[in-house]
C-alpha atoms as a PDB file:
ATOM      1  CA  MET A   1       0.030  -0.089  -0.238  1.00  0.00           C
ATOM      2  CA  THR A   2       1.331   3.691  -0.933  1.00  0.00           C
ATOM      3  CA  ALA A   3       2.084   6.396   1.667  1.00  0.00           C
ATOM      4  CA  MET A   4      -0.946   8.530  -0.050  1.00  0.00           C
ATOM      5  CA  ALA A   5      -3.254   5.277   0.032  1.00  0.00           C
ATOM      6  CA  THR A   6      -2.431   5.469   3.913  1.00  0.00           C
ATOM      7  CA  ALA A   7      -2.644   8.998   4.370  1.00  0.00           C
ATOM      8  CA  ARG A   8      -5.639  10.672   5.846  1.00  0.00           C
ATOM      9  CA  ALA A   9      -7.152  13.979   5.762  1.00  0.00           C
ATOM     10  CA  ALA A  10      -7.089  16.828   8.801  1.00  0.00           C
ATOM     11  CA  ALA A  11      -8.232  19.881   9.477  1.00  0.00           C
ATOM     12  CA  PHE A  12      -6.160  23.170  10.264  1.00  0.00           C
ATOM     13  CA  PHE A  13      -7.459  26.411  12.027  1.00  0.00           C
ATOM     14  CA  ASP A  14      -5.829  29.614  12.520  1.00  0.00           C
ATOM     15  CA  LEU A  15      -6.246  31.264  15.622  1.00  0.00           C
ATOM     16  CA  ASP A  16      -7.041  34.940  15.891  1.00  0.00           C
ATOM     17  CA  LYS A  17     -10.315  36.008  14.654  1.00  0.00           C
ATOM     18  CA  THR A  18     -10.792  32.313  13.542  1.00  0.00           C
ATOM     19  CA  LEU A  19     -11.059  29.883  16.084  1.00  0.00           C
ATOM     20  CA  MET A  20     -10.987  32.809  18.705  1.00  0.00           C
ATOM     21  CA  GLU A  21     -12.483  36.461  18.797  1.00  0.00           C
ATOM     22  CA  GLY A  22     -10.019  39.035  18.577  1.00  0.00           C
ATOM     23  CA  ALA A  23      -6.103  38.637  19.279  1.00  0.00           C
ATOM     24  CA  SER A  24      -4.399  36.336  21.467  1.00  0.00           C
ATOM     25  CA  GLY A  25      -1.672  38.713  21.914  1.00  0.00           C
ATOM     26  CA  LEU A  26      -3.338  40.729  23.891  1.00  0.00           C
ATOM     27  CA  HIS A  27      -3.867  38.216  26.706  1.00  0.00           C
ATOM     28  CA  PHE A  28      -0.306  37.478  26.262  1.00  0.00           C
ATOM     29  CA  ALA A  29       0.895  41.228  26.627  1.00  0.00           C
ATOM     30  CA  ARG A  30      -1.527  41.827  29.897  1.00  0.00           C
ATOM     31  CA  ALA A  31       0.047  38.567  31.509  1.00  0.00           C
ATOM     32  CA  ALA A  32       3.760  39.742  30.423  1.00  0.00           C
ATOM     33  CA  TYR A  33       3.073  43.266  32.086  1.00  0.00           C
ATOM     34  CA  ARG A  34       1.904  41.904  35.374  1.00  0.00           C
ATOM     35  CA  ALA A  35       4.894  39.384  35.573  1.00  0.00           C
ATOM     36  CA  GLY A  36       7.287  42.426  35.068  1.00  0.00           C
ATOM     37  CA  LEU A  37       8.314  41.441  31.661  1.00  0.00           C
ATOM     38  CA  VAL A  38       7.136  44.428  29.842  1.00  0.00           C
ATOM     39  CA  SER A  39       6.874  48.029  31.109  1.00  0.00           C
ATOM     40  CA  ARG A  40       3.742  49.705  31.255  1.00  0.00           C
ATOM     41  CA  ARG A  41       4.584  52.161  28.179  1.00  0.00           C
ATOM     42  CA  ARG A  42       5.161  48.845  25.927  1.00  0.00           C
ATOM     43  CA  LEU A  43       2.037  47.752  27.184  1.00  0.00           C
ATOM     44  CA  ALA A  44       0.135  50.410  25.993  1.00  0.00           C
ATOM     45  CA  ARG A  45       1.672  50.231  22.738  1.00  0.00           C
ATOM     46  CA  ASP A  46       1.032  46.628  22.067  1.00  0.00           C
ATOM     47  CA  VAL A  47      -2.465  47.093  23.355  1.00  0.00           C
ATOM     48  CA  TRP A  48      -2.944  49.910  20.811  1.00  0.00           C
ATOM     49  CA  ALA A  49      -1.553  47.846  17.946  1.00  0.00           C
ATOM     50  CA  ASN A  50      -4.345  45.154  18.942  1.00  0.00           C
ATOM     51  CA  VAL A  51      -6.866  47.930  18.615  1.00  0.00           C
ATOM     52  CA  ARG A  52      -5.406  49.304  15.561  1.00  0.00           C
ATOM     53  CA  PHE A  53      -5.557  45.155  14.362  1.00  0.00           C
ATOM     54  CA  ARG A  54      -9.578  44.989  15.382  1.00  0.00           C
ATOM     55  CA  LEU A  55     -10.307  48.451  13.833  1.00  0.00           C
ATOM     56  CA  GLU A  56      -7.597  48.773  10.466  1.00  0.00           C
ATOM     57  CA  GLY A  57      -6.044  45.103  10.003  1.00  0.00           C
ATOM     58  CA  SER A  58      -2.406  44.573   9.288  1.00  0.00           C
ATOM     59  CA  THR A  59       0.228  44.414   6.772  1.00  0.00           C
ATOM     60  CA  ASP A  60       3.567  42.261   6.155  1.00  0.00           C
ATOM     61  CA  GLU A  61       5.447  45.139   7.248  1.00  0.00           C
ATOM     62  CA  LYS A  62       3.859  45.211  10.651  1.00  0.00           C
ATOM     63  CA  ALA A  63       4.053  41.563  10.889  1.00  0.00           C
ATOM     64  CA  ASP A  64       7.882  41.460   9.988  1.00  0.00           C
ATOM     65  CA  ALA A  65       8.517  44.301  12.497  1.00  0.00           C
ATOM     66  CA  VAL A  66       6.594  42.642  15.393  1.00  0.00           C
ATOM     67  CA  ARG A  67       8.630  39.350  14.640  1.00  0.00           C
ATOM     68  CA  GLU A  68      11.804  41.489  14.999  1.00  0.00           C
ATOM     69  CA  ARG A  69      10.755  42.967  18.264  1.00  0.00           C
ATOM     70  CA  VAL A  70       9.694  39.802  19.504  1.00  0.00           C
ATOM     71  CA  LEU A  71      13.042  38.177  18.592  1.00  0.00           C
ATOM     72  CA  GLY A  72      14.933  40.905  20.262  1.00  0.00           C
ATOM     73  CA  ALA A  73      12.492  41.100  23.633  1.00  0.00           C
ATOM     74  CA  MET A  74      13.043  37.216  24.046  1.00  0.00           C
ATOM     75  CA  THR A  75      16.832  37.240  24.264  1.00  0.00           C
ATOM     76  CA  GLY A  76      18.158  35.662  27.376  1.00  0.00           C
ATOM     77  CA  VAL A  77      14.671  35.241  28.751  1.00  0.00           C
ATOM     78  CA  SER A  78      14.267  31.897  31.130  1.00  0.00           C
ATOM     79  CA  ARG A  79      11.629  29.497  29.037  1.00  0.00           C
ATOM     80  CA  ILE A  80      10.557  28.308  32.455  1.00  0.00           C
ATOM     81  CA  ARG A  81       9.573  32.102  33.170  1.00  0.00           C
ATOM     82  CA  LEU A  82       7.423  32.481  29.914  1.00  0.00           C
ATOM     83  CA  SER A  83       5.444  29.215  30.299  1.00  0.00           C
ATOM     84  CA  ARG A  84       4.459  30.538  33.793  1.00  0.00           C
ATOM     85  CA  LEU A  85       2.252  33.194  32.023  1.00  0.00           C
ATOM     86  CA  GLY A  86      -0.038  30.363  30.446  1.00  0.00           C
ATOM     87  CA  PRO A  87      -2.661  30.058  33.101  1.00  0.00           C
ATOM     88  CA  GLU A  88      -3.475  34.170  32.929  1.00  0.00           C
ATOM     89  CA  VAL A  89      -2.861  33.763  29.047  1.00  0.00           C
ATOM     90  CA  LEU A  90      -5.491  30.831  28.797  1.00  0.00           C
ATOM     91  CA  ALA A  91      -7.586  32.497  31.277  1.00  0.00           C
ATOM     92  CA  GLY A  92      -8.070  35.739  28.561  1.00  0.00           C
ATOM     93  CA  ILE A  93      -8.412  33.406  25.744  1.00  0.00           C
ATOM     94  CA  LEU A  94     -10.700  30.365  26.555  1.00  0.00           C
ATOM     95  CA  PRO A  95     -13.933  32.878  26.848  1.00  0.00           C
ATOM     96  CA  ALA A  96     -12.802  34.251  23.180  1.00  0.00           C
ATOM     97  CA  VAL A  97     -13.263  30.853  21.780  1.00  0.00           C
ATOM     98  CA  TYR A  98     -16.016  30.758  19.296  1.00  0.00           C
ATOM     99  CA  PRO A  99     -18.037  27.796  20.374  1.00  0.00           C
ATOM    100  CA  GLU A 100     -19.072  26.946  16.753  1.00  0.00           C
ATOM    101  CA  MET A 101     -15.889  26.836  15.688  1.00  0.00           C
ATOM    102  CA  LEU A 102     -14.671  24.605  18.666  1.00  0.00           C
ATOM    103  CA  ARG A 103     -17.828  22.337  17.701  1.00  0.00           C
ATOM    104  CA  VAL A 104     -16.603  22.543  13.514  1.00  0.00           C
ATOM    105  CA  ALA A 105     -13.151  21.222  14.969  1.00  0.00           C
ATOM    106  CA  TRP A 106     -14.516  18.316  17.015  1.00  0.00           C
ATOM    107  CA  GLN A 107     -16.907  17.322  14.191  1.00  0.00           C
ATOM    108  CA  HIS A 108     -13.524  17.137  11.869  1.00  0.00           C
ATOM    109  CA  GLN A 109     -12.177  14.851  14.962  1.00  0.00           C
ATOM    110  CA  ASP A 110     -15.533  12.761  15.156  1.00  0.00           C
ATOM    111  CA  ALA A 111     -15.304  12.021  11.356  1.00  0.00           C
ATOM    112  CA  GLY A 112     -11.478  10.784  11.368  1.00  0.00           C
ATOM    113  CA  ARG A 113      -9.748  13.910  10.620  1.00  0.00           C
ATOM    114  CA  PRO A 114      -7.409  15.239  13.259  1.00  0.00           C
ATOM    115  CA  ALA A 115      -7.654  18.895  14.168  1.00  0.00           C
ATOM    116  CA  TYR A 116      -4.779  21.168  14.225  1.00  0.00           C
ATOM    117  CA  ILE A 117      -4.054  24.859  15.486  1.00  0.00           C
ATOM    118  CA  VAL A 118      -1.825  27.020  13.094  1.00  0.00           C
ATOM    119  CA  THR A 119      -0.724  30.216  14.392  1.00  0.00           C
ATOM    120  CA  ALA A 120       2.020  32.811  13.993  1.00  0.00           C
ATOM    121  CA  ALA A 121       1.664  32.285  17.739  1.00  0.00           C
ATOM    122  CA  SER A 122       4.593  30.803  19.598  1.00  0.00           C
ATOM    123  CA  GLN A 123       4.566  27.071  19.270  1.00  0.00           C
ATOM    124  CA  GLU A 124       4.470  26.713  23.147  1.00  0.00           C
ATOM    125  CA  LEU A 125       0.968  28.677  23.339  1.00  0.00           C
ATOM    126  CA  ALA A 126      -0.587  26.724  20.349  1.00  0.00           C
ATOM    127  CA  ALA A 127       0.477  23.541  21.700  1.00  0.00           C
ATOM    128  CA  MET A 128      -1.079  24.466  25.186  1.00  0.00           C
ATOM    129  CA  LEU A 129      -4.091  25.838  23.687  1.00  0.00           C
ATOM    130  CA  ALA A 130      -4.439  22.826  21.821  1.00  0.00           C
ATOM    131  CA  ARG A 131      -4.436  20.498  24.721  1.00  0.00           C
ATOM    132  CA  VAL A 132      -6.928  22.511  26.661  1.00  0.00           C
ATOM    133  CA  LEU A 133      -9.306  22.654  23.699  1.00  0.00           C
ATOM    134  CA  VAL A 134      -8.753  18.644  23.369  1.00  0.00           C
ATOM    135  CA  LEU A 135      -7.685  19.267  19.619  1.00  0.00           C
ATOM    136  CA  ASP A 136      -4.728  16.961  18.066  1.00  0.00           C
ATOM    137  CA  GLY A 137      -2.130  19.890  18.134  1.00  0.00           C
ATOM    138  CA  GLY A 138      -0.830  23.146  17.781  1.00  0.00           C
ATOM    139  CA  VAL A 139       1.472  24.316  15.120  1.00  0.00           C
ATOM    140  CA  GLY A 140       3.079  27.940  15.757  1.00  0.00           C
ATOM    141  CA  THR A 141       6.798  29.991  15.466  1.00  0.00           C
ATOM    142  CA  PRO A 142       9.131  28.261  16.804  1.00  0.00           C
ATOM    143  CA  TYR A 143      11.997  30.082  18.966  1.00  0.00           C
ATOM    144  CA  GLU A 144      15.508  28.697  19.896  1.00  0.00           C
ATOM    145  CA  VAL A 145      16.318  27.836  23.437  1.00  0.00           C
ATOM    146  CA  GLU A 146      20.003  26.888  24.536  1.00  0.00           C
ATOM    147  CA  ASP A 147      20.711  26.210  28.420  1.00  0.00           C
ATOM    148  CA  GLY A 148      16.803  26.983  29.543  1.00  0.00           C
ATOM    149  CA  HIS A 149      16.923  30.262  27.887  1.00  0.00           C
ATOM    150  CA  TYR A 150      15.789  31.960  24.460  1.00  0.00           C
ATOM    151  CA  THR A 151      18.279  32.905  22.351  1.00  0.00           C
ATOM    152  CA  GLY A 152      16.491  35.674  20.122  1.00  0.00           C
ATOM    153  CA  ARG A 153      16.670  33.275  16.787  1.00  0.00           C
ATOM    154  CA  LEU A 154      14.022  31.043  15.041  1.00  0.00           C
ATOM    155  CA  ALA A 155      14.068  27.505  15.460  1.00  0.00           C
ATOM    156  CA  GLY A 156      11.770  27.056  12.169  1.00  0.00           C
ATOM    157  CA  PRO A 157       9.609  28.994   9.993  1.00  0.00           C
ATOM    158  CA  PHE A 158       7.660  32.212  11.185  1.00  0.00           C
ATOM    159  CA  THR A 159       4.511  30.529  10.722  1.00  0.00           C
ATOM    160  CA  TYR A 160       2.643  33.796   8.395  1.00  0.00           C
ATOM    161  CA  ARG A 161       2.038  33.916   4.960  1.00  0.00           C
ATOM    162  CA  GLU A 162       4.178  31.417   3.142  1.00  0.00           C
ATOM    163  CA  GLY A 163       5.441  30.278   6.539  1.00  0.00           C
ATOM    164  CA  LYS A 164       2.043  28.534   7.266  1.00  0.00           C
ATOM    165  CA  ALA A 165       1.975  26.712   4.320  1.00  0.00           C
ATOM    166  CA  GLU A 166       5.663  25.559   4.901  1.00  0.00           C
ATOM    167  CA  ALA A 167       4.631  24.362   8.067  1.00  0.00           C
ATOM    168  CA  LEU A 168       1.594  22.626   7.151  1.00  0.00           C
ATOM    169  CA  ARG A 169       3.700  20.582   4.679  1.00  0.00           C
ATOM    170  CA  LEU A 170       6.267  19.482   7.130  1.00  0.00           C
ATOM    171  CA  LEU A 171       3.290  18.434   9.329  1.00  0.00           C
ATOM    172  CA  ALA A 172       1.841  16.561   6.507  1.00  0.00           C
ATOM    173  CA  LYS A 173       5.048  14.532   5.634  1.00  0.00           C
ATOM    174  CA  GLU A 174       5.199  13.802   9.388  1.00  0.00           C
ATOM    175  CA  GLU A 175       1.609  12.724  10.593  1.00  0.00           C
ATOM    176  CA  ALA A 176       1.155  11.263   6.817  1.00  0.00           C
ATOM    177  CA  LEU A 177      -1.945  13.565   6.442  1.00  0.00           C
ATOM    178  CA  ASP A 178      -3.407  14.371   2.509  1.00  0.00           C
ATOM    179  CA  LEU A 179      -3.294  18.144   2.287  1.00  0.00           C
ATOM    180  CA  SER A 180      -5.327  17.365  -0.952  1.00  0.00           C
ATOM    181  CA  ALA A 181      -8.387  16.184   0.904  1.00  0.00           C
ATOM    182  CA  SER A 182      -8.064  18.594   3.955  1.00  0.00           C
ATOM    183  CA  TYR A 183      -9.250  21.386   5.438  1.00  0.00           C
ATOM    184  CA  ALA A 184      -8.098  25.072   6.252  1.00  0.00           C
ATOM    185  CA  TYR A 185     -10.146  27.794   8.201  1.00  0.00           C
ATOM    186  CA  SER A 186      -8.941  31.435   8.395  1.00  0.00           C
ATOM    187  CA  ASP A 187     -10.110  34.809   8.583  1.00  0.00           C
ATOM    188  CA  SER A 188      -7.308  36.770   6.482  1.00  0.00           C
ATOM    189  CA  GLU A 189      -5.925  37.031   3.192  1.00  0.00           C
ATOM    190  CA  SER A 190      -2.387  36.686   4.785  1.00  0.00           C
ATOM    191  CA  ASP A 191      -3.116  32.585   5.183  1.00  0.00           C
ATOM    192  CA  LEU A 192      -4.172  32.531   1.645  1.00  0.00           C
ATOM    193  CA  PRO A 193      -1.272  30.633   1.108  1.00  0.00           C
ATOM    194  CA  MET A 194      -2.440  27.728   3.619  1.00  0.00           C
ATOM    195  CA  LEU A 195      -5.881  28.086   2.308  1.00  0.00           C
ATOM    196  CA  ARG A 196      -4.559  27.362  -0.884  1.00  0.00           C
ATOM    197  CA  ALA A 197      -2.422  24.313   0.362  1.00  0.00           C
ATOM    198  CA  VAL A 198      -5.583  22.107   1.022  1.00  0.00           C
ATOM    199  CA  GLY A 199      -8.571  21.103  -1.084  1.00  0.00           C
ATOM    200  CA  HIS A 200     -11.042  22.472   0.944  1.00  0.00           C
ATOM    201  CA  PRO A 201     -10.551  26.620   1.971  1.00  0.00           C
ATOM    202  CA  VAL A 202     -13.487  28.285   4.351  1.00  0.00           C
ATOM    203  CA  ALA A 203     -13.251  31.660   5.104  1.00  0.00           C
ATOM    204  CA  VAL A 204     -13.913  32.584   8.707  1.00  0.00           C
ATOM    205  CA  ASN A 205     -15.240  36.252   9.452  1.00  0.00           C
ATOM    206  CA  PRO A 206     -12.977  36.935   6.376  1.00  0.00           C
ATOM    207  CA  ASP A 207     -11.483  40.434   5.751  1.00  0.00           C
ATOM    208  CA  THR A 208     -12.464  42.064   2.537  1.00  0.00           C
ATOM    209  CA  GLU A 209      -9.879  40.680   0.172  1.00  0.00           C
ATOM    210  CA  LEU A 210     -10.354  37.274   1.238  1.00  0.00           C
ATOM    211  CA  GLU A 211     -14.311  37.344   1.147  1.00  0.00           C
ATOM    212  CA  ARG A 212     -13.938  38.579  -2.302  1.00  0.00           C
ATOM    213  CA  LEU A 213     -11.572  35.751  -3.174  1.00  0.00           C
ATOM    214  CA  ALA A 214     -13.718  33.133  -1.468  1.00  0.00           C
ATOM    215  CA  ARG A 215     -16.705  34.228  -3.261  1.00  0.00           C
ATOM    216  CA  ALA A 216     -14.856  34.312  -6.617  1.00  0.00           C
ATOM    217  CA  GLU A 217     -13.472  30.770  -5.977  1.00  0.00           C
ATOM    218  CA  GLY A 218     -16.626  29.341  -4.561  1.00  0.00           C
ATOM    219  CA  TRP A 219     -15.556  28.689  -0.853  1.00  0.00           C
ATOM    220  CA  GLU A 220     -17.500  28.254   1.910  1.00  0.00           C
ATOM    221  CA  ILE A 221     -17.803  31.236   4.263  1.00  0.00           C
ATOM    222  CA  LEU A 222     -18.797  31.246   7.932  1.00  0.00           C
ATOM    223  CA  ARG A 223     -19.412  34.365  10.338  1.00  0.00           C
ATOM    224  CA  PHE A 224     -19.324  34.562  13.868  1.00  0.00           C
ATOM    225  CA  ASP A 225     -18.254  37.889  14.513  1.00  0.00           C
ATOM    226  CA  ARG A 226     -22.116  39.355  14.158  1.00  0.00           C
ATOM    227  CA  LEU A 227     -21.505  42.025  16.919  1.00  0.00           C
ATOM    228  CA  ARG A 228     -18.709  43.779  15.107  1.00  0.00           C
ATOM    229  CA  ARG A 229     -19.742  47.363  16.045  1.00  0.00           C
ATOM    230  CA  ARG A 230     -20.512  46.412  19.571  1.00  0.00           C
ATOM    231  CA  ILE A 231     -17.275  44.352  20.117  1.00  0.00           C
ATOM    232  CA  ARG A 232     -15.005  47.607  18.201  1.00  0.00           C
ATOM    233  CA  ILE A 233     -16.337  49.699  21.047  1.00  0.00           C
ATOM    234  CA  ALA A 234     -16.026  47.239  23.869  1.00  0.00           C
ATOM    235  CA  TYR A 235     -12.502  46.199  22.894  1.00  0.00           C
ATOM    236  CA  GLY A 236     -11.437  50.180  22.671  1.00  0.00           C
ATOM    237  CA  ALA A 237     -13.039  50.782  26.243  1.00  0.00           C
ATOM    238  CA  ALA A 238     -11.221  47.437  27.438  1.00  0.00           C
ATOM    239  CA  ALA A 239      -7.721  48.348  26.181  1.00  0.00           C
ATOM    240  CA  VAL A 240      -8.113  51.779  27.719  1.00  0.00           C
ATOM    241  CA  ALA A 241      -9.038  50.340  31.261  1.00  0.00           C
ATOM    242  CA  LEU A 242      -6.417  47.649  30.817  1.00  0.00           C
ATOM    243  CA  VAL A 243      -3.403  49.778  31.152  1.00  0.00           C
ATOM    244  CA  GLY A 244      -4.451  52.222  33.747  1.00  0.00           C
ATOM    245  CA  GLY A 245      -1.925  54.876  33.831  1.00  0.00           C
ATOM    246  CA  GLY A 246      -1.444  54.306  30.115  1.00  0.00           C
ATOM    247  CA  GLY A 247      -4.807  54.800  29.432  1.00  0.00           C
ATOM    248  CA  GLY A 248      -4.508  58.544  28.526  1.00  0.00           C
ATOM    249  CA  TYR A 249      -2.064  57.379  25.938  1.00  0.00           C
ATOM    250  CA  LEU A 250      -4.401  54.829  24.312  1.00  0.00           C
ATOM    251  CA  ALA A 251      -7.262  57.248  24.729  1.00  0.00           C
ATOM    252  CA  GLY A 252      -5.868  59.828  22.598  1.00  0.00           C
ATOM    253  CA  ARG A 253      -4.945  57.544  19.837  1.00  0.00           C
ATOM    254  CA  LEU A 254      -8.245  55.714  20.112  1.00  0.00           C
ATOM    255  CA  ARG A 255      -9.521  59.395  19.366  1.00  0.00           C
ATOM    256  CA  ALA A 256      -7.265  60.359  16.653  1.00  0.00           C
ATOM    257  CA  SER A 257      -8.188  57.313  15.003  1.00  0.00           C
ATOM    258  CA  ASN A 258     -11.947  57.502  15.235  1.00  0.00           C
ATOM    259  CA  ARG A 259     -11.479  60.672  13.503  1.00  0.00           C
ATOM    260  CA  ARG A 260      -9.563  58.938  10.728  1.00  0.00           C
ATOM    261  CA  LEU A 261     -11.841  56.088  10.058  1.00  0.00           C
ATOM    262  CA  ARG A 262     -14.565  55.399   7.436  1.00  0.00           C
ATOM    263  CA  PRO A 263     -17.020  52.882   7.098  1.00  0.00           C
ATOM    264  CA  GLY A 264     -15.487  49.868   4.866  1.00  0.00           C
ATOM    265  CA  ARG A 265     -12.140  50.230   6.520  1.00  0.00           C
ATOM    266  CA  LEU A 266     -12.687  48.231   9.506  1.00  0.00           C
ATOM    267  CA  THR A 267     -11.257  44.664   8.367  1.00  0.00           C
ATOM    268  CA  GLY A 268      -8.027  42.537   8.368  1.00  0.00           C
ATOM    269  CA  ARG A 269      -5.850  40.800  10.707  1.00  0.00           C
ATOM    270  CA  ALA A 270      -4.119  41.507  13.978  1.00  0.00           C
ATOM    271  CA  ALA A 271      -0.701  43.014  14.765  1.00  0.00           C
ATOM    272  CA  ARG A 272       0.831  40.540  16.701  1.00  0.00           C
ATOM    273  CA  VAL A 273       2.038  41.430  20.198  1.00  0.00           C
ATOM    274  CA  PRO A 274       5.400  40.163  21.796  1.00  0.00           C
ATOM    275  CA  LEU A 275       5.965  36.594  22.319  1.00  0.00           C
ATOM    276  CA  LEU A 276       2.866  35.623  20.297  1.00  0.00           C
ATOM    277  CA  GLY A 277       3.478  37.038  17.039  1.00  0.00           C
END
């Protein structure tokens, strides 16, 4: 029997705005601040980046900048210290998980297709969240560790845009998965390489460009972000409250942004915050 004959299909789920509402990075930033790993000013900037992500979307340039900042910030930090942030990070993420999407993932499992989280966030977060959600695994950005400390270098592909597709192909080879029979779920045009790597791409809460492409190619579209306007308002208010003394900085940025924004621009994908980008 050939390897292809024994291969099985799988289902792959992006995290931010696909499997969960909003950005996972915000919850990490808050935990890192409380643990003394980032300053109040750094937290304020990271929260603002996530507010803008909810309002305006992101770009490849932003993703590259965040990746470089993450690598610099991680240099010399002990792995166990970051790992201890896990419970608080999960406490923020789990209430934001879309129950509808979790049911979709479990339905794939029940049909014999393993379900994986595939995210630009860290490999540690992806694996931890997959275990808690009873999924089959998590694929994230791997960071190099030597003598128990992060070196500031990547240990594999940065799982963003083409990096996600590369990670999928590596996983498929390791686990004997048939990508042509597999499913992938994402909200963002930046995940087109991952979506095109499988036989059954699905757009979830898609940004403008992904929705256009999905409709043109006849892909399934799922929507769970029904209260988008209310979420935007609540998200901005929560962000200001989150940083306490940094709230003045955020409030000013929010007022300036609100003056610039126009209907039709409120789409896109999150700019990742440190260690989850």
